Each structure stands twice: as structure tokens, then as C-alpha cells.
Amino acid sequence: MKISKKAYYGLRAVLALAQSDKPLSIHTIANAEHIPEDYLEKILQSLRRANLVMAHKGMAGGYTLIRSAKEISVWDILRVLDGPIKTFSTPVKGSLPCLQVSHCQTNQVWRVLEEKIEETLNKITLDSLTKQQR
């Protein structure tokens, strides 16, 4: 399993928003977090479409979280930016029967692992991460 640069940057950007009491511009976040502005804009657009952040227009505009930092998990961010986390890619797709019994048994291991990763990342909120940084 590998977290993409997009997800890494996205998590850093939403943590910056979680720590701010006012909207932050793309420029401000990009400078503070050392993220290319064009790339950050695309990331924030994805997060906006997923109803995690909101764009505010005008001189004092920028981005804010739509929900409280206590209500947004790391899983919420990663799922939007990276899609479902896959620990293992098997040659057996979907509901096709396992070709060998050993494949069926090992597939269960990977499914359980993926569920545990999702469960763990769902428990880690932006609020808990910002409290760790203080």
C-alpha cells in the first residue's frame, strides 16, 4: 500500500484549514506547506466536489472545511484523493470463483487487512491530528 503524493498534499492542506479560523487561499496553503499551487488547486477541487471543503469568493476568500475537524477523518481525505485502499491486487476479479483454494484463503487475509486499515484511518480525525501537533 502506498499513499499518493496527491493524498499526502491533500491531508496537509486540510490540516492547515483545520487549524485556521478563517478561509485560507490556495497561495497561502501552498506557501506554508510547500505544495505547487496548480496541483493544490486540483486537490482542493476534488475535496470540494466531495463536500469536504468549501470555496469562498472575494478579497477575504479562500477555503474552509465544510464540517468540523472532529467530523472529518483521514480516511475521508484518502478515499477521495486515492480511492479505495488496496493492499494486494489479485488476478481474480470481482465475484469470479477462486481458481485455487489457496487463493481464496489468502484473499481473505488481504480483505481483513484493508478493513482494519479503513477502520483505523476512520478513527483518526483532523482534530486529533491538530491536537498532536500542538
C-alpha atoms as a PDB file:
ATOM      1  CA  MET A   1       0.000   0.000   0.000  1.00  0.00           C
ATOM      2  CA  LYS A   2       1.346   3.397  -0.937  1.00  0.00           C
ATOM      3  CA  ILE A   3      -0.250   6.766  -0.248  1.00  0.00           C
ATOM      4  CA  SER A   4      -0.005   9.056  -3.263  1.00  0.00           C
ATOM      5  CA  LYS A   5       1.609  12.468  -3.255  1.00  0.00           C
ATOM      6  CA  LYS A   6      -1.857  13.854  -4.034  1.00  0.00           C
ATOM      7  CA  ALA A   7      -3.274  12.353  -0.824  1.00  0.00           C
ATOM      8  CA  TYR A   8      -0.219  13.412   1.191  1.00  0.00           C
ATOM      9  CA  TYR A   9      -0.548  17.009  -0.009  1.00  0.00           C
ATOM     10  CA  GLY A  10      -4.318  16.919   0.426  1.00  0.00           C
ATOM     11  CA  LEU A  11      -4.051  15.811   4.027  1.00  0.00           C
ATOM     12  CA  ARG A  12      -1.528  18.566   4.760  1.00  0.00           C
ATOM     13  CA  ALA A  13      -3.819  21.137   3.118  1.00  0.00           C
ATOM     14  CA  VAL A  14      -6.904  20.134   5.108  1.00  0.00           C
ATOM     15  CA  LEU A  15      -4.860  20.107   8.310  1.00  0.00           C
ATOM     16  CA  ALA A  16      -3.909  23.718   7.554  1.00  0.00           C
ATOM     17  CA  LEU A  17      -7.610  24.507   7.097  1.00  0.00           C
ATOM     18  CA  ALA A  18      -8.469  22.695  10.334  1.00  0.00           C
ATOM     19  CA  GLN A  19      -6.018  24.888  12.231  1.00  0.00           C
ATOM     20  CA  SER A  20      -7.303  28.146  10.772  1.00  0.00           C
ATOM     21  CA  ASP A  21     -10.261  30.165  12.000  1.00  0.00           C
ATOM     22  CA  LYS A  22     -10.614  31.953   8.647  1.00  0.00           C
ATOM     23  CA  PRO A  23     -10.582  30.965   4.962  1.00  0.00           C
ATOM     24  CA  LEU A  24      -7.132  30.218   3.559  1.00  0.00           C
ATOM     25  CA  SER A  25      -6.182  30.965  -0.031  1.00  0.00           C
ATOM     26  CA  ILE A  26      -4.518  28.416  -2.262  1.00  0.00           C
ATOM     27  CA  HIS A  27      -1.462  30.677  -2.310  1.00  0.00           C
ATOM     28  CA  THR A  28      -1.277  30.772   1.498  1.00  0.00           C
ATOM     29  CA  ILE A  29      -1.608  26.996   1.880  1.00  0.00           C
ATOM     30  CA  ALA A  30       0.799  26.283  -0.982  1.00  0.00           C
ATOM     31  CA  ASN A  31       3.477  28.539   0.507  1.00  0.00           C
ATOM     32  CA  ALA A  32       3.071  27.243   4.049  1.00  0.00           C
ATOM     33  CA  GLU A  33       3.019  23.577   3.034  1.00  0.00           C
ATOM     34  CA  HIS A  34       5.417  23.769   0.054  1.00  0.00           C
ATOM     35  CA  ILE A  35       2.831  22.400  -2.384  1.00  0.00           C
ATOM     36  CA  PRO A  36       2.720  23.528  -6.038  1.00  0.00           C
ATOM     37  CA  GLU A  37      -0.264  25.890  -6.391  1.00  0.00           C
ATOM     38  CA  ASP A  38      -1.649  24.323  -9.579  1.00  0.00           C
ATOM     39  CA  TYR A  39      -1.551  20.880  -8.014  1.00  0.00           C
ATOM     40  CA  LEU A  40      -3.116  22.131  -4.781  1.00  0.00           C
ATOM     41  CA  GLU A  41      -5.935  23.771  -6.724  1.00  0.00           C
ATOM     42  CA  LYS A  42      -6.827  20.418  -8.332  1.00  0.00           C
ATOM     43  CA  ILE A  43      -6.669  18.672  -4.968  1.00  0.00           C
ATOM     44  CA  LEU A  44      -8.953  21.236  -3.346  1.00  0.00           C
ATOM     45  CA  GLN A  45     -11.389  20.971  -6.262  1.00  0.00           C
ATOM     46  CA  SER A  46     -11.638  17.220  -5.643  1.00  0.00           C
ATOM     47  CA  LEU A  47     -12.204  17.812  -1.937  1.00  0.00           C
ATOM     48  CA  ARG A  48     -14.821  20.477  -2.733  1.00  0.00           C
ATOM     49  CA  ARG A  49     -16.712  18.092  -5.035  1.00  0.00           C
ATOM     50  CA  ALA A  50     -16.676  15.549  -2.190  1.00  0.00           C
ATOM     51  CA  ASN A  51     -18.195  18.161   0.174  1.00  0.00           C
ATOM     52  CA  LEU A  52     -15.204  18.247   2.489  1.00  0.00           C
ATOM     53  CA  VAL A  53     -14.109  21.836   1.811  1.00  0.00           C
ATOM     54  CA  MET A  54     -15.894  24.976   0.656  1.00  0.00           C
ATOM     55  CA  ALA A  55     -14.566  27.770  -1.549  1.00  0.00           C
ATOM     56  CA  HIS A  56     -15.301  31.374  -0.537  1.00  0.00           C
ATOM     57  CA  LYS A  57     -15.032  34.136  -3.132  1.00  0.00           C
ATOM     58  CA  GLY A  58     -13.838  37.684  -2.637  1.00  0.00           C
ATOM     59  CA  MET A  59     -10.930  39.505  -1.045  1.00  0.00           C
ATOM     60  CA  ALA A  60     -11.185  37.550   2.195  1.00  0.00           C
ATOM     61  CA  GLY A  61     -11.978  34.351   0.308  1.00  0.00           C
ATOM     62  CA  GLY A  62     -10.259  31.031   0.280  1.00  0.00           C
ATOM     63  CA  TYR A  63     -11.112  27.568   1.509  1.00  0.00           C
ATOM     64  CA  THR A  64     -12.616  26.296   4.744  1.00  0.00           C
ATOM     65  CA  LEU A  65     -13.743  22.906   5.983  1.00  0.00           C
ATOM     66  CA  ILE A  66     -17.448  22.220   5.488  1.00  0.00           C
ATOM     67  CA  ARG A  67     -17.691  20.103   8.639  1.00  0.00           C
ATOM     68  CA  SER A  68     -15.933  20.286  11.959  1.00  0.00           C
ATOM     69  CA  ALA A  69     -12.403  18.878  12.153  1.00  0.00           C
ATOM     70  CA  LYS A  70     -13.836  16.371  14.654  1.00  0.00           C
ATOM     71  CA  GLU A  71     -16.129  15.018  11.928  1.00  0.00           C
ATOM     72  CA  ILE A  72     -13.556  14.563   9.138  1.00  0.00           C
ATOM     73  CA  SER A  73     -11.284  11.543   9.239  1.00  0.00           C
ATOM     74  CA  VAL A  74      -8.040  10.770   7.486  1.00  0.00           C
ATOM     75  CA  TRP A  75      -9.982   8.033   5.682  1.00  0.00           C
ATOM     76  CA  ASP A  76     -12.392  10.654   4.275  1.00  0.00           C
ATOM     77  CA  ILE A  77      -9.474  12.506   2.681  1.00  0.00           C
ATOM     78  CA  LEU A  78      -7.587   9.451   1.407  1.00  0.00           C
ATOM     79  CA  ARG A  79     -10.711   7.847  -0.034  1.00  0.00           C
ATOM     80  CA  VAL A  80     -11.481  10.972  -2.085  1.00  0.00           C
ATOM     81  CA  LEU A  81      -7.941  11.522  -3.324  1.00  0.00           C
ATOM     82  CA  ASP A  82      -6.662   7.943  -3.699  1.00  0.00           C
ATOM     83  CA  GLY A  83      -9.822   5.867  -3.946  1.00  0.00           C
ATOM     84  CA  PRO A  84     -10.228   2.613  -2.042  1.00  0.00           C
ATOM     85  CA  ILE A  85      -7.068   1.391  -0.368  1.00  0.00           C
ATOM     86  CA  LYS A  86      -5.901  -1.880  -1.832  1.00  0.00           C
ATOM     87  CA  THR A  87      -3.198  -3.833  -0.066  1.00  0.00           C
ATOM     88  CA  PHE A  88      -2.982  -6.501  -2.692  1.00  0.00           C
ATOM     89  CA  SER A  89      -4.090  -6.859  -6.287  1.00  0.00           C
ATOM     90  CA  THR A  90      -5.203 -10.359  -7.172  1.00  0.00           C
ATOM     91  CA  PRO A  91      -5.669 -11.841 -10.612  1.00  0.00           C
ATOM     92  CA  VAL A  92      -9.144 -12.955  -9.532  1.00  0.00           C
ATOM     93  CA  LYS A  93     -11.586 -10.104 -10.125  1.00  0.00           C
ATOM     94  CA  GLY A  94     -14.960  -9.384  -8.574  1.00  0.00           C
ATOM     95  CA  SER A  95     -17.187 -12.342  -7.903  1.00  0.00           C
ATOM     96  CA  LEU A  96     -15.322 -14.834 -10.062  1.00  0.00           C
ATOM     97  CA  PRO A  97     -14.700 -18.080  -8.200  1.00  0.00           C
ATOM     98  CA  CYS A  98     -11.223 -18.665  -6.859  1.00  0.00           C
ATOM     99  CA  LEU A  99      -9.135 -20.706  -9.241  1.00  0.00           C
ATOM    100  CA  GLN A 100      -7.270 -22.406  -6.423  1.00  0.00           C
ATOM    101  CA  VAL A 101      -8.281 -22.892  -2.810  1.00  0.00           C
ATOM    102  CA  SER A 102      -5.088 -21.174  -1.607  1.00  0.00           C
ATOM    103  CA  HIS A 103      -6.081 -18.005  -3.497  1.00  0.00           C
ATOM    104  CA  CYS A 104      -9.424 -17.887  -1.676  1.00  0.00           C
ATOM    105  CA  GLN A 105      -7.727 -18.257   1.693  1.00  0.00           C
ATOM    106  CA  THR A 106      -5.142 -15.552   1.077  1.00  0.00           C
ATOM    107  CA  ASN A 107      -7.702 -13.150  -0.407  1.00  0.00           C
ATOM    108  CA  GLN A 108      -9.453 -13.171   2.960  1.00  0.00           C
ATOM    109  CA  VAL A 109      -6.218 -12.020   4.634  1.00  0.00           C
ATOM    110  CA  TRP A 110      -5.991  -9.002   2.318  1.00  0.00           C
ATOM    111  CA  ARG A 111      -9.670  -8.121   2.766  1.00  0.00           C
ATOM    112  CA  VAL A 112      -9.321  -8.186   6.544  1.00  0.00           C
ATOM    113  CA  LEU A 113      -6.191  -6.049   6.327  1.00  0.00           C
ATOM    114  CA  GLU A 114      -7.953  -3.493   4.109  1.00  0.00           C
ATOM    115  CA  GLU A 115     -10.906  -3.374   6.535  1.00  0.00           C
ATOM    116  CA  LYS A 116      -8.573  -2.805   9.507  1.00  0.00           C
ATOM    117  CA  ILE A 117      -6.721  -0.030   7.677  1.00  0.00           C
ATOM    118  CA  GLU A 118     -10.010   1.675   6.821  1.00  0.00           C
ATOM    119  CA  GLU A 119     -11.285   1.249  10.384  1.00  0.00           C
ATOM    120  CA  THR A 120      -8.096   2.730  11.849  1.00  0.00           C
ATOM    121  CA  LEU A 121      -7.965   5.693   9.447  1.00  0.00           C
ATOM    122  CA  ASN A 122     -11.646   6.384  10.124  1.00  0.00           C
ATOM    123  CA  LYS A 123     -10.830   6.814  13.825  1.00  0.00           C
ATOM    124  CA  ILE A 124      -8.129   9.423  13.180  1.00  0.00           C
ATOM    125  CA  THR A 125      -9.794  12.809  12.808  1.00  0.00           C
ATOM    126  CA  LEU A 126      -8.316  16.089  11.663  1.00  0.00           C
ATOM    127  CA  ASP A 127      -8.996  17.386  15.163  1.00  0.00           C
ATOM    128  CA  SER A 128      -6.933  14.622  16.774  1.00  0.00           C
ATOM    129  CA  LEU A 129      -4.055  15.295  14.367  1.00  0.00           C
ATOM    130  CA  THR A 130      -4.058  19.040  15.038  1.00  0.00           C
ATOM    131  CA  LYS A 131      -4.005  18.381  18.787  1.00  0.00           C
ATOM    132  CA  GLN A 132      -0.931  16.154  18.335  1.00  0.00           C
ATOM    133  CA  GLN A 133       0.902  18.981  16.557  1.00  0.00           C
ATOM    134  CA  ARG A 134       0.425  21.425  19.433  1.00  0.00           C
END
